[in-house]
C-alpha cells in the first residue's frame, strides 16, 4: 500500500456546536476551536476533523447545507475559519471538513431555483410525477411534494434535504468547485457524508 500524508496521524473529530463556546451564546464556535489548539496538540492530535459549519437552517444539525461557500454565523465568520487554518498550520496540524454532497437543504439556491421553474436546476434533483415506495432513513416516504407542481422530489433523509442527482455532470461540476474552494483555502481533506 502506498503511504499517504494521513498515515501514522491521529485524528480528532470536533462537533463545533458543543465543543467550546467563546461568546456565551450556548453554541460552540470556531474561536473555541482556535483557543483549544494547543491543548489538542498536547494530546497528540495531528488532524482536526470538523463537522459541518456551513450555512444551514440546522434541521439536521448542519448536515442540511444551504450555502456550501459560507460559514454559518452561529460558528463565526470566514475570517475566523481562515485564522483557524493558519493556526493549525503553525502547529503542524491539518484540518479536514465534513462535506455533505448527497443532498442539500431545500433552502439552498439550487433547490429554490428549481422550485421557481428553472429546468437547469430541476435537473440537479430527482423529480418525478409519482412517488415510489422508497422509504426515508428518517422514516416515512422518501418522496415529498415538489411545491405545487404535482410532482415529487427524492429525499433519502429529512424532507428538507433534497437528494442531488450525481448523474448530472453539472451537479458534479458544481460540487467539484465547492471542494476546490475549500482546498484553495487550505483544507487538507474531506469526510464525505452519505455519498
N, C-alpha and C. Protein backbone atom coordinates (compact mmCIF):
# COMPACT_ATOMS: atom_id res chain seq x y z
N UNK A 1 0.84 -1.17 0.00
CA UNK A 1 0.00 0.00 0.00
C UNK A 1 0.89 1.25 0.00
N UNK A 2 0.55 2.18 -0.85
CA UNK A 2 1.28 3.44 -0.90
C UNK A 2 0.96 4.29 0.33
N UNK A 3 1.99 4.78 0.98
CA UNK A 3 1.80 5.62 2.17
C UNK A 3 1.38 7.03 1.75
N UNK A 4 0.43 7.58 2.48
CA UNK A 4 -0.06 8.93 2.19
C UNK A 4 0.08 9.79 3.44
N UNK A 5 -0.23 11.07 3.32
CA UNK A 5 0.05 12.03 4.37
C UNK A 5 -0.65 11.72 5.70
N UNK A 6 -1.78 11.02 5.65
CA UNK A 6 -2.52 10.81 6.89
C UNK A 6 -2.10 9.55 7.65
N UNK A 7 -1.28 8.70 7.03
CA UNK A 7 -0.82 7.52 7.75
C UNK A 7 0.00 7.92 8.98
N UNK A 8 -0.15 7.19 10.04
CA UNK A 8 0.54 7.45 11.31
C UNK A 8 0.12 8.76 11.96
N UNK A 9 -1.03 9.31 11.57
CA UNK A 9 -1.53 10.55 12.16
C UNK A 9 -2.72 10.22 13.07
N UNK A 10 -2.90 11.05 14.08
CA UNK A 10 -4.03 10.90 15.00
C UNK A 10 -5.05 11.97 14.65
N UNK A 11 -6.29 11.54 14.38
CA UNK A 11 -7.36 12.48 14.04
C UNK A 11 -8.34 12.61 15.20
N UNK A 12 -8.90 13.80 15.33
CA UNK A 12 -9.85 14.10 16.40
C UNK A 12 -11.04 14.82 15.78
N UNK A 13 -12.23 14.23 15.92
CA UNK A 13 -13.42 14.88 15.38
C UNK A 13 -13.95 15.91 16.35
N UNK A 14 -14.27 17.08 15.81
CA UNK A 14 -14.87 18.15 16.61
C UNK A 14 -16.28 18.42 16.07
N UNK A 15 -17.24 18.30 16.97
CA UNK A 15 -18.60 18.73 16.65
C UNK A 15 -18.71 20.14 17.21
N UNK A 16 -18.51 21.16 16.35
CA UNK A 16 -18.34 22.54 16.83
C UNK A 16 -19.43 23.05 17.75
N UNK A 17 -20.67 22.68 17.49
CA UNK A 17 -21.79 23.22 18.25
C UNK A 17 -21.65 22.96 19.75
N UNK A 18 -21.02 21.85 20.10
CA UNK A 18 -20.91 21.51 21.52
C UNK A 18 -19.45 21.44 21.99
N UNK A 19 -18.52 21.98 21.21
CA UNK A 19 -17.11 21.86 21.58
C UNK A 19 -16.69 22.91 22.60
N UNK A 20 -16.63 24.17 22.21
CA UNK A 20 -16.22 25.22 23.15
C UNK A 20 -16.81 26.54 22.69
N UNK A 21 -17.55 27.16 23.60
CA UNK A 21 -18.28 28.39 23.32
C UNK A 21 -17.50 29.58 23.88
N UNK A 22 -17.07 30.49 23.02
CA UNK A 22 -16.27 31.63 23.48
C UNK A 22 -17.09 32.91 23.66
N UNK A 23 -18.33 32.94 23.19
CA UNK A 23 -19.10 34.19 23.31
C UNK A 23 -20.36 34.03 24.16
N UNK A 24 -20.44 32.93 24.91
CA UNK A 24 -21.54 32.69 25.86
C UNK A 24 -22.93 32.72 25.25
N UNK A 25 -23.04 32.25 23.99
CA UNK A 25 -24.38 32.16 23.39
C UNK A 25 -24.93 30.73 23.44
N UNK A 26 -24.18 29.83 24.09
CA UNK A 26 -24.64 28.45 24.21
C UNK A 26 -24.27 27.56 23.05
N UNK A 27 -23.53 28.10 22.07
CA UNK A 27 -23.14 27.34 20.89
C UNK A 27 -21.63 27.43 20.73
N UNK A 28 -20.99 26.26 20.61
CA UNK A 28 -19.56 26.25 20.35
C UNK A 28 -19.26 26.99 19.06
N UNK A 29 -18.02 27.44 18.89
CA UNK A 29 -17.70 28.26 17.72
C UNK A 29 -16.27 28.03 17.25
N UNK A 30 -15.95 28.61 16.13
CA UNK A 30 -14.61 28.46 15.54
C UNK A 30 -13.55 29.03 16.46
N UNK A 31 -13.85 30.16 17.09
CA UNK A 31 -12.88 30.74 18.03
C UNK A 31 -12.58 29.76 19.17
N UNK A 32 -13.58 28.99 19.55
CA UNK A 32 -13.38 27.98 20.59
C UNK A 32 -12.41 26.90 20.15
N UNK A 33 -12.48 26.52 18.89
CA UNK A 33 -11.52 25.53 18.37
C UNK A 33 -10.12 26.13 18.39
N UNK A 34 -10.01 27.38 17.94
CA UNK A 34 -8.70 28.04 17.93
C UNK A 34 -8.10 28.07 19.34
N UNK A 35 -8.93 28.42 20.32
CA UNK A 35 -8.44 28.52 21.70
C UNK A 35 -7.95 27.19 22.25
N UNK A 36 -8.46 26.08 21.72
CA UNK A 36 -8.09 24.76 22.25
C UNK A 36 -7.03 24.04 21.40
N UNK A 37 -6.48 24.70 20.39
CA UNK A 37 -5.50 24.03 19.53
C UNK A 37 -4.26 23.57 20.30
N UNK A 38 -3.75 24.39 21.20
CA UNK A 38 -2.56 23.98 21.95
C UNK A 38 -2.85 22.74 22.80
N UNK A 39 -4.02 22.72 23.40
CA UNK A 39 -4.43 21.55 24.19
C UNK A 39 -4.51 20.31 23.30
N UNK A 40 -5.14 20.45 22.14
CA UNK A 40 -5.26 19.31 21.22
C UNK A 40 -3.89 18.83 20.75
N UNK A 41 -3.01 19.78 20.48
CA UNK A 41 -1.64 19.42 20.08
C UNK A 41 -0.94 18.66 21.21
N UNK A 42 -1.12 19.12 22.44
CA UNK A 42 -0.53 18.46 23.59
C UNK A 42 -1.03 17.01 23.73
N UNK A 43 -2.28 16.78 23.35
CA UNK A 43 -2.84 15.43 23.39
C UNK A 43 -2.27 14.52 22.30
N UNK A 44 -1.58 15.12 21.33
CA UNK A 44 -1.01 14.33 20.24
C UNK A 44 -1.86 14.31 18.99
N UNK A 45 -2.79 15.24 18.89
CA UNK A 45 -3.67 15.31 17.73
C UNK A 45 -2.93 15.93 16.55
N UNK A 46 -3.02 15.27 15.38
CA UNK A 46 -2.40 15.77 14.14
C UNK A 46 -3.43 16.34 13.18
N UNK A 47 -4.62 15.74 13.18
CA UNK A 47 -5.67 16.11 12.22
C UNK A 47 -6.93 16.46 12.99
N UNK A 48 -7.48 17.63 12.69
CA UNK A 48 -8.77 18.03 13.26
C UNK A 48 -9.83 17.83 12.18
N UNK A 49 -10.82 17.02 12.51
CA UNK A 49 -11.94 16.76 11.60
C UNK A 49 -13.13 17.56 12.14
N UNK A 50 -13.56 18.58 11.38
CA UNK A 50 -14.62 19.48 11.81
C UNK A 50 -15.94 19.08 11.16
N UNK A 51 -16.93 18.79 11.99
CA UNK A 51 -18.28 18.52 11.48
C UNK A 51 -18.84 19.80 10.86
N UNK A 52 -19.95 19.72 10.10
CA UNK A 52 -20.41 20.86 9.30
C UNK A 52 -20.53 22.20 10.03
N UNK A 53 -19.92 23.21 9.43
CA UNK A 53 -20.02 24.59 9.92
C UNK A 53 -20.52 25.51 8.80
N UNK A 54 -21.00 24.91 7.71
CA UNK A 54 -21.53 25.69 6.59
C UNK A 54 -22.86 26.32 6.98
N UNK A 55 -23.26 27.31 6.21
CA UNK A 55 -24.58 27.93 6.45
C UNK A 55 -25.66 26.88 6.30
N UNK A 56 -26.59 26.86 7.26
CA UNK A 56 -27.60 25.81 7.31
C UNK A 56 -28.78 26.26 8.16
N UNK A 57 -29.99 25.76 7.84
CA UNK A 57 -31.12 26.00 8.74
C UNK A 57 -31.10 25.06 9.95
N UNK A 58 -30.18 24.12 10.01
CA UNK A 58 -29.97 23.21 11.13
C UNK A 58 -31.17 22.33 11.45
N UNK A 59 -31.87 21.90 10.42
CA UNK A 59 -32.92 20.90 10.62
C UNK A 59 -32.25 19.57 10.99
N UNK A 60 -31.07 19.32 10.40
CA UNK A 60 -30.32 18.09 10.65
C UNK A 60 -28.91 18.42 11.14
N UNK A 61 -28.81 19.31 12.10
CA UNK A 61 -27.55 19.63 12.77
C UNK A 61 -26.43 20.07 11.81
N UNK A 62 -26.79 20.77 10.76
CA UNK A 62 -25.80 21.28 9.82
C UNK A 62 -25.53 20.37 8.64
N UNK A 63 -26.11 19.19 8.65
CA UNK A 63 -25.95 18.27 7.51
C UNK A 63 -26.95 18.59 6.41
N UNK A 64 -27.62 19.73 6.55
CA UNK A 64 -28.55 20.27 5.55
C UNK A 64 -28.00 21.63 5.13
N UNK A 65 -27.08 21.62 4.21
CA UNK A 65 -26.33 22.82 3.83
C UNK A 65 -27.16 23.70 2.90
N UNK A 66 -27.25 24.99 3.26
CA UNK A 66 -27.97 25.93 2.40
C UNK A 66 -27.01 26.81 1.60
N UNK A 67 -25.72 26.84 1.97
CA UNK A 67 -24.71 27.56 1.19
C UNK A 67 -23.36 26.90 1.45
N UNK A 68 -22.84 26.22 0.41
CA UNK A 68 -21.57 25.50 0.53
C UNK A 68 -20.37 26.43 0.69
N UNK A 69 -20.54 27.70 0.38
CA UNK A 69 -19.41 28.64 0.39
C UNK A 69 -19.41 29.58 1.59
N UNK A 70 -20.29 29.35 2.54
CA UNK A 70 -20.41 30.28 3.67
C UNK A 70 -20.30 29.54 5.00
N UNK A 71 -19.71 30.22 5.97
CA UNK A 71 -19.68 29.73 7.35
C UNK A 71 -20.97 30.22 8.02
N UNK A 72 -21.64 29.33 8.74
CA UNK A 72 -22.85 29.77 9.43
C UNK A 72 -22.47 30.76 10.53
N UNK A 73 -23.17 31.89 10.61
CA UNK A 73 -22.85 32.91 11.62
C UNK A 73 -22.86 32.39 13.05
N UNK A 74 -23.59 31.31 13.33
CA UNK A 74 -23.59 30.74 14.68
C UNK A 74 -22.19 30.31 15.10
N UNK A 75 -21.35 29.97 14.13
CA UNK A 75 -20.00 29.49 14.42
C UNK A 75 -18.92 30.56 14.26
N UNK A 76 -19.24 31.64 13.59
CA UNK A 76 -18.26 32.69 13.37
C UNK A 76 -18.28 33.18 11.94
N UNK A 77 -17.12 33.61 11.47
CA UNK A 77 -17.00 34.21 10.14
C UNK A 77 -15.98 33.45 9.31
N UNK A 78 -15.92 33.80 8.04
CA UNK A 78 -14.90 33.20 7.18
C UNK A 78 -13.51 33.62 7.66
N UNK A 79 -13.39 34.85 8.18
CA UNK A 79 -12.10 35.28 8.75
C UNK A 79 -11.69 34.39 9.91
N UNK A 80 -12.64 34.03 10.76
CA UNK A 80 -12.35 33.12 11.87
C UNK A 80 -11.85 31.77 11.33
N UNK A 81 -12.53 31.29 10.30
CA UNK A 81 -12.14 30.00 9.73
C UNK A 81 -10.74 30.06 9.12
N UNK A 82 -10.45 31.15 8.41
CA UNK A 82 -9.11 31.30 7.82
C UNK A 82 -8.04 31.38 8.91
N UNK A 83 -8.37 32.02 10.03
CA UNK A 83 -7.44 32.07 11.16
C UNK A 83 -7.24 30.66 11.73
N UNK A 84 -8.32 29.89 11.83
CA UNK A 84 -8.20 28.51 12.29
C UNK A 84 -7.24 27.71 11.42
N UNK A 85 -7.35 27.88 10.11
CA UNK A 85 -6.45 27.18 9.20
C UNK A 85 -5.00 27.60 9.43
N UNK A 86 -4.78 28.90 9.59
CA UNK A 86 -3.42 29.41 9.85
C UNK A 86 -2.86 28.84 11.14
N UNK A 87 -3.68 28.82 12.18
CA UNK A 87 -3.22 28.36 13.49
C UNK A 87 -2.94 26.86 13.51
N UNK A 88 -3.74 26.09 12.78
CA UNK A 88 -3.45 24.64 12.72
C UNK A 88 -2.13 24.42 11.98
N UNK A 89 -1.91 25.17 10.91
CA UNK A 89 -0.67 25.02 10.14
C UNK A 89 0.55 25.37 11.00
N UNK A 90 0.45 26.43 11.81
CA UNK A 90 1.56 26.82 12.70
C UNK A 90 1.95 25.69 13.64
N UNK A 91 0.99 24.85 13.96
CA UNK A 91 1.23 23.75 14.91
C UNK A 91 1.48 22.43 14.20
N UNK A 92 1.74 22.48 12.90
CA UNK A 92 1.94 21.26 12.10
C UNK A 92 0.76 20.30 12.22
N UNK A 93 -0.44 20.89 12.22
CA UNK A 93 -1.67 20.11 12.26
C UNK A 93 -2.40 20.31 10.93
N UNK A 94 -3.35 19.44 10.66
CA UNK A 94 -4.15 19.51 9.44
C UNK A 94 -5.62 19.65 9.81
N UNK A 95 -6.40 20.21 8.89
CA UNK A 95 -7.82 20.33 9.11
C UNK A 95 -8.57 19.67 7.96
N UNK A 96 -9.49 18.79 8.30
CA UNK A 96 -10.39 18.22 7.30
C UNK A 96 -11.82 18.59 7.71
N UNK A 97 -12.70 18.62 6.73
CA UNK A 97 -14.09 19.04 6.97
C UNK A 97 -15.06 17.95 6.53
N UNK A 98 -16.17 17.85 7.27
CA UNK A 98 -17.31 17.08 6.79
C UNK A 98 -17.89 17.83 5.60
N UNK A 99 -18.19 17.13 4.53
CA UNK A 99 -18.83 17.76 3.38
C UNK A 99 -19.98 16.87 2.92
N UNK A 100 -21.17 17.43 2.92
CA UNK A 100 -22.38 16.68 2.58
C UNK A 100 -22.70 16.96 1.12
N UNK A 101 -22.53 15.96 0.28
CA UNK A 101 -22.78 16.16 -1.15
C UNK A 101 -23.85 15.20 -1.70
N UNK A 102 -24.46 14.40 -0.84
CA UNK A 102 -25.57 13.57 -1.28
C UNK A 102 -26.83 14.41 -1.48
N UNK A 103 -26.95 15.44 -0.68
CA UNK A 103 -28.16 16.27 -0.70
C UNK A 103 -27.81 17.68 -0.24
N UNK A 104 -28.75 18.59 -0.43
CA UNK A 104 -28.60 19.94 0.09
C UNK A 104 -29.93 20.34 0.74
N UNK A 105 -29.90 21.41 1.48
CA UNK A 105 -31.11 21.92 2.12
C UNK A 105 -32.10 22.40 1.06
N UNK A 106 -33.37 22.30 1.38
CA UNK A 106 -34.38 22.87 0.47
C UNK A 106 -34.32 24.39 0.47
N UNK A 107 -33.50 24.97 1.36
CA UNK A 107 -33.27 26.42 1.35
C UNK A 107 -32.12 26.83 0.44
N UNK A 108 -31.40 25.83 -0.08
CA UNK A 108 -30.27 26.12 -0.97
C UNK A 108 -30.76 26.79 -2.25
N UNK A 109 -29.94 27.66 -2.78
CA UNK A 109 -30.27 28.40 -4.01
C UNK A 109 -30.65 27.46 -5.15
N UNK A 110 -29.96 26.33 -5.28
CA UNK A 110 -30.27 25.40 -6.38
C UNK A 110 -31.70 24.89 -6.28
N UNK A 111 -32.10 24.50 -5.08
CA UNK A 111 -33.45 23.96 -4.90
C UNK A 111 -34.49 25.06 -5.07
N UNK A 112 -34.20 26.24 -4.56
CA UNK A 112 -35.13 27.35 -4.69
C UNK A 112 -35.33 27.73 -6.17
N UNK A 113 -34.25 27.71 -6.95
CA UNK A 113 -34.38 28.00 -8.39
C UNK A 113 -35.15 26.89 -9.09
N UNK A 114 -34.93 25.65 -8.66
CA UNK A 114 -35.69 24.53 -9.24
C UNK A 114 -37.18 24.71 -8.95
N UNK A 115 -37.52 25.06 -7.72
CA UNK A 115 -38.92 25.28 -7.35
C UNK A 115 -39.55 26.42 -8.15
N UNK A 116 -38.74 27.41 -8.49
CA UNK A 116 -39.23 28.56 -9.26
C UNK A 116 -39.42 28.22 -10.74
N UNK A 117 -39.08 26.98 -11.14
CA UNK A 117 -39.32 26.55 -12.51
C UNK A 117 -38.10 26.47 -13.40
N UNK A 118 -36.91 26.74 -12.87
CA UNK A 118 -35.68 26.70 -13.67
C UNK A 118 -35.32 25.25 -14.00
N UNK A 119 -35.46 24.88 -15.26
CA UNK A 119 -35.23 23.49 -15.71
C UNK A 119 -33.79 23.05 -15.48
N UNK A 120 -32.84 23.97 -15.63
CA UNK A 120 -31.43 23.64 -15.41
C UNK A 120 -31.24 23.12 -13.99
N UNK A 121 -31.83 23.81 -13.02
CA UNK A 121 -31.67 23.41 -11.62
C UNK A 121 -32.61 22.28 -11.23
N UNK A 122 -33.72 22.13 -11.92
CA UNK A 122 -34.57 20.97 -11.65
C UNK A 122 -33.81 19.68 -11.95
N UNK A 123 -32.92 19.73 -12.93
CA UNK A 123 -32.12 18.54 -13.28
C UNK A 123 -31.05 18.24 -12.23
N UNK A 124 -30.88 19.11 -11.24
CA UNK A 124 -29.94 18.86 -10.14
C UNK A 124 -30.54 17.88 -9.13
N UNK A 125 -31.84 17.60 -9.24
CA UNK A 125 -32.55 16.78 -8.25
C UNK A 125 -33.29 15.66 -8.96
N UNK A 126 -33.83 14.75 -8.16
CA UNK A 126 -34.66 13.65 -8.69
C UNK A 126 -36.12 14.07 -8.51
N UNK A 127 -36.74 14.47 -9.61
CA UNK A 127 -38.12 14.95 -9.58
C UNK A 127 -38.93 14.09 -10.54
N UNK A 128 -40.04 13.58 -10.06
CA UNK A 128 -40.86 12.75 -10.94
C UNK A 128 -42.33 12.89 -10.61
N UNK A 129 -43.16 12.36 -11.54
CA UNK A 129 -44.61 12.52 -11.42
C UNK A 129 -45.21 11.73 -10.25
N UNK A 130 -44.70 10.52 -10.03
CA UNK A 130 -45.29 9.67 -8.99
C UNK A 130 -44.20 9.20 -8.04
N UNK A 131 -44.51 9.17 -6.74
CA UNK A 131 -43.53 8.65 -5.79
C UNK A 131 -43.44 7.13 -5.88
N UNK A 132 -42.30 6.59 -5.51
CA UNK A 132 -42.15 5.14 -5.40
C UNK A 132 -42.44 4.74 -3.95
N UNK A 133 -42.22 3.48 -3.62
CA UNK A 133 -42.42 3.03 -2.24
C UNK A 133 -41.14 3.13 -1.41
N UNK A 134 -40.14 3.86 -1.89
CA UNK A 134 -38.89 4.03 -1.14
C UNK A 134 -39.17 4.75 0.17
N UNK A 135 -38.39 4.37 1.18
CA UNK A 135 -38.54 4.98 2.50
C UNK A 135 -37.34 5.86 2.82
N UNK A 136 -37.58 6.92 3.54
CA UNK A 136 -36.53 7.81 4.02
C UNK A 136 -35.83 7.16 5.21
N UNK A 137 -34.55 7.43 5.38
CA UNK A 137 -33.81 6.94 6.55
C UNK A 137 -34.40 7.55 7.83
N UNK A 138 -35.10 8.67 7.70
CA UNK A 138 -35.69 9.34 8.86
C UNK A 138 -37.14 8.90 9.09
N UNK A 139 -37.62 7.96 8.28
CA UNK A 139 -38.98 7.46 8.42
C UNK A 139 -39.92 8.06 7.39
N UNK A 140 -40.92 7.29 7.01
CA UNK A 140 -41.90 7.75 6.03
C UNK A 140 -41.37 7.67 4.61
N UNK A 141 -42.12 8.23 3.70
CA UNK A 141 -41.77 8.20 2.29
C UNK A 141 -40.50 9.00 2.01
N UNK A 142 -39.73 8.53 1.03
CA UNK A 142 -38.53 9.25 0.59
C UNK A 142 -38.88 10.28 -0.47
N UNK A 143 -40.15 10.52 -0.70
CA UNK A 143 -40.61 11.48 -1.71
C UNK A 143 -41.50 12.52 -1.04
N UNK A 144 -41.31 13.77 -1.43
CA UNK A 144 -42.13 14.86 -0.90
C UNK A 144 -42.66 15.68 -2.06
N UNK A 145 -43.81 16.32 -1.88
CA UNK A 145 -44.34 17.17 -2.96
C UNK A 145 -43.34 18.26 -3.33
N UNK A 146 -43.18 18.43 -4.64
CA UNK A 146 -42.27 19.45 -5.17
C UNK A 146 -43.08 20.72 -5.41
N UNK A 147 -43.23 21.51 -4.33
CA UNK A 147 -44.05 22.72 -4.43
C UNK A 147 -45.48 22.36 -4.78
N UNK A 148 -46.08 23.16 -5.65
CA UNK A 148 -47.45 22.90 -6.09
C UNK A 148 -47.49 22.40 -7.53
N UNK A 149 -46.39 21.73 -7.94
CA UNK A 149 -46.27 21.27 -9.33
C UNK A 149 -47.00 19.94 -9.59
N UNK A 150 -47.39 19.25 -8.52
CA UNK A 150 -47.98 17.92 -8.68
C UNK A 150 -46.92 16.84 -8.81
N UNK A 151 -45.66 17.23 -8.72
CA UNK A 151 -44.55 16.27 -8.81
C UNK A 151 -43.95 16.06 -7.43
N UNK A 152 -42.98 15.16 -7.37
CA UNK A 152 -42.34 14.79 -6.11
C UNK A 152 -40.83 14.81 -6.27
N UNK A 153 -40.14 15.13 -5.17
CA UNK A 153 -38.67 15.09 -5.20
C UNK A 153 -38.17 14.09 -4.17
N UNK A 154 -37.03 13.52 -4.45
CA UNK A 154 -36.43 12.49 -3.60
C UNK A 154 -35.66 13.12 -2.44
N UNK A 155 -35.88 12.57 -1.26
CA UNK A 155 -35.10 12.95 -0.06
C UNK A 155 -34.89 11.68 0.74
N UNK A 156 -33.70 11.10 0.66
CA UNK A 156 -33.44 9.86 1.39
C UNK A 156 -33.28 10.10 2.89
N UNK A 157 -33.13 11.36 3.27
CA UNK A 157 -33.04 11.70 4.68
C UNK A 157 -34.23 12.60 5.03
N UNK A 158 -34.04 13.69 5.72
CA UNK A 158 -35.15 14.55 6.09
C UNK A 158 -35.80 15.17 4.85
N UNK A 159 -37.08 15.47 4.95
CA UNK A 159 -37.82 16.05 3.83
C UNK A 159 -37.20 17.36 3.35
N UNK A 160 -36.47 18.05 4.21
CA UNK A 160 -35.84 19.32 3.83
C UNK A 160 -34.48 19.12 3.17
N UNK A 161 -34.07 17.86 2.95
CA UNK A 161 -32.77 17.55 2.37
C UNK A 161 -32.98 16.87 1.02
N UNK A 162 -33.00 17.66 -0.02
CA UNK A 162 -33.27 17.14 -1.36
C UNK A 162 -32.03 16.47 -1.94
N UNK A 163 -32.18 15.21 -2.36
CA UNK A 163 -31.05 14.46 -2.92
C UNK A 163 -30.59 15.09 -4.23
N UNK A 164 -29.27 15.16 -4.36
CA UNK A 164 -28.67 15.70 -5.58
C UNK A 164 -28.47 14.59 -6.61
N UNK A 165 -28.65 14.95 -7.87
CA UNK A 165 -28.55 13.99 -8.98
C UNK A 165 -27.12 13.93 -9.50
N UNK A 166 -26.34 13.01 -8.95
CA UNK A 166 -24.93 12.88 -9.34
C UNK A 166 -24.75 12.38 -10.77
N UNK A 167 -25.82 11.92 -11.41
CA UNK A 167 -25.72 11.53 -12.83
C UNK A 167 -25.59 12.76 -13.73
N UNK A 168 -26.00 13.90 -13.19
CA UNK A 168 -25.96 15.16 -13.95
C UNK A 168 -24.54 15.73 -13.86
N UNK A 169 -23.83 15.87 -15.00
CA UNK A 169 -22.46 16.40 -14.95
C UNK A 169 -22.38 17.82 -14.39
N UNK A 170 -23.46 18.59 -14.49
CA UNK A 170 -23.45 19.95 -13.94
C UNK A 170 -23.44 19.93 -12.41
N UNK A 171 -24.07 18.93 -11.81
CA UNK A 171 -24.02 18.77 -10.36
C UNK A 171 -22.59 18.46 -9.94
N UNK A 172 -21.97 17.50 -10.63
CA UNK A 172 -20.59 17.13 -10.30
C UNK A 172 -19.66 18.33 -10.46
N UNK A 173 -19.85 19.10 -11.52
CA UNK A 173 -19.01 20.28 -11.76
C UNK A 173 -19.15 21.29 -10.62
N UNK A 174 -20.38 21.54 -10.18
CA UNK A 174 -20.61 22.50 -9.09
C UNK A 174 -20.00 22.01 -7.78
N UNK A 175 -20.12 20.72 -7.51
CA UNK A 175 -19.58 20.19 -6.26
C UNK A 175 -18.06 20.10 -6.30
N UNK A 176 -17.48 19.87 -7.48
CA UNK A 176 -16.01 19.93 -7.60
C UNK A 176 -15.53 21.35 -7.31
N UNK A 177 -16.31 22.35 -7.74
CA UNK A 177 -15.96 23.75 -7.43
C UNK A 177 -15.97 23.98 -5.93
N UNK A 178 -16.95 23.42 -5.24
CA UNK A 178 -17.04 23.55 -3.79
C UNK A 178 -15.79 22.96 -3.13
N UNK A 179 -15.44 21.74 -3.52
CA UNK A 179 -14.25 21.08 -2.97
C UNK A 179 -13.01 21.94 -3.19
N UNK A 180 -12.85 22.44 -4.40
CA UNK A 180 -11.66 23.24 -4.72
C UNK A 180 -11.64 24.58 -3.98
N UNK A 181 -12.80 25.16 -3.74
CA UNK A 181 -12.89 26.40 -2.97
C UNK A 181 -12.26 26.21 -1.59
N UNK A 182 -12.64 25.13 -0.91
CA UNK A 182 -12.13 24.88 0.44
C UNK A 182 -10.68 24.41 0.42
N UNK A 183 -10.33 23.62 -0.57
CA UNK A 183 -8.93 23.18 -0.68
C UNK A 183 -8.02 24.38 -0.92
N UNK A 184 -8.47 25.33 -1.75
CA UNK A 184 -7.66 26.53 -2.01
C UNK A 184 -7.47 27.35 -0.74
N UNK A 185 -8.40 27.25 0.19
CA UNK A 185 -8.25 27.96 1.47
C UNK A 185 -7.24 27.27 2.39
N UNK A 186 -7.00 25.97 2.14
CA UNK A 186 -6.02 25.25 2.96
C UNK A 186 -6.58 24.03 3.66
N UNK A 187 -7.84 23.68 3.41
CA UNK A 187 -8.40 22.45 3.98
C UNK A 187 -7.65 21.28 3.35
N UNK A 188 -7.20 20.35 4.19
CA UNK A 188 -6.36 19.26 3.70
C UNK A 188 -7.18 18.12 3.08
N UNK A 189 -8.39 17.92 3.56
CA UNK A 189 -9.20 16.82 3.03
C UNK A 189 -10.63 16.92 3.52
N UNK A 190 -11.41 15.91 3.15
CA UNK A 190 -12.84 15.90 3.45
C UNK A 190 -13.29 14.52 3.89
N UNK A 191 -14.30 14.53 4.73
CA UNK A 191 -15.04 13.31 5.02
C UNK A 191 -16.39 13.52 4.33
N UNK A 192 -16.63 12.73 3.29
CA UNK A 192 -17.86 12.91 2.52
C UNK A 192 -18.99 12.13 3.17
N UNK A 193 -19.99 12.86 3.61
CA UNK A 193 -21.10 12.27 4.34
C UNK A 193 -22.12 11.65 3.39
N UNK A 194 -22.50 10.43 3.62
CA UNK A 194 -23.55 9.65 2.94
C UNK A 194 -23.53 9.79 1.41
N UNK A 195 -22.39 9.79 0.79
CA UNK A 195 -22.39 9.82 -0.67
C UNK A 195 -22.42 8.39 -1.20
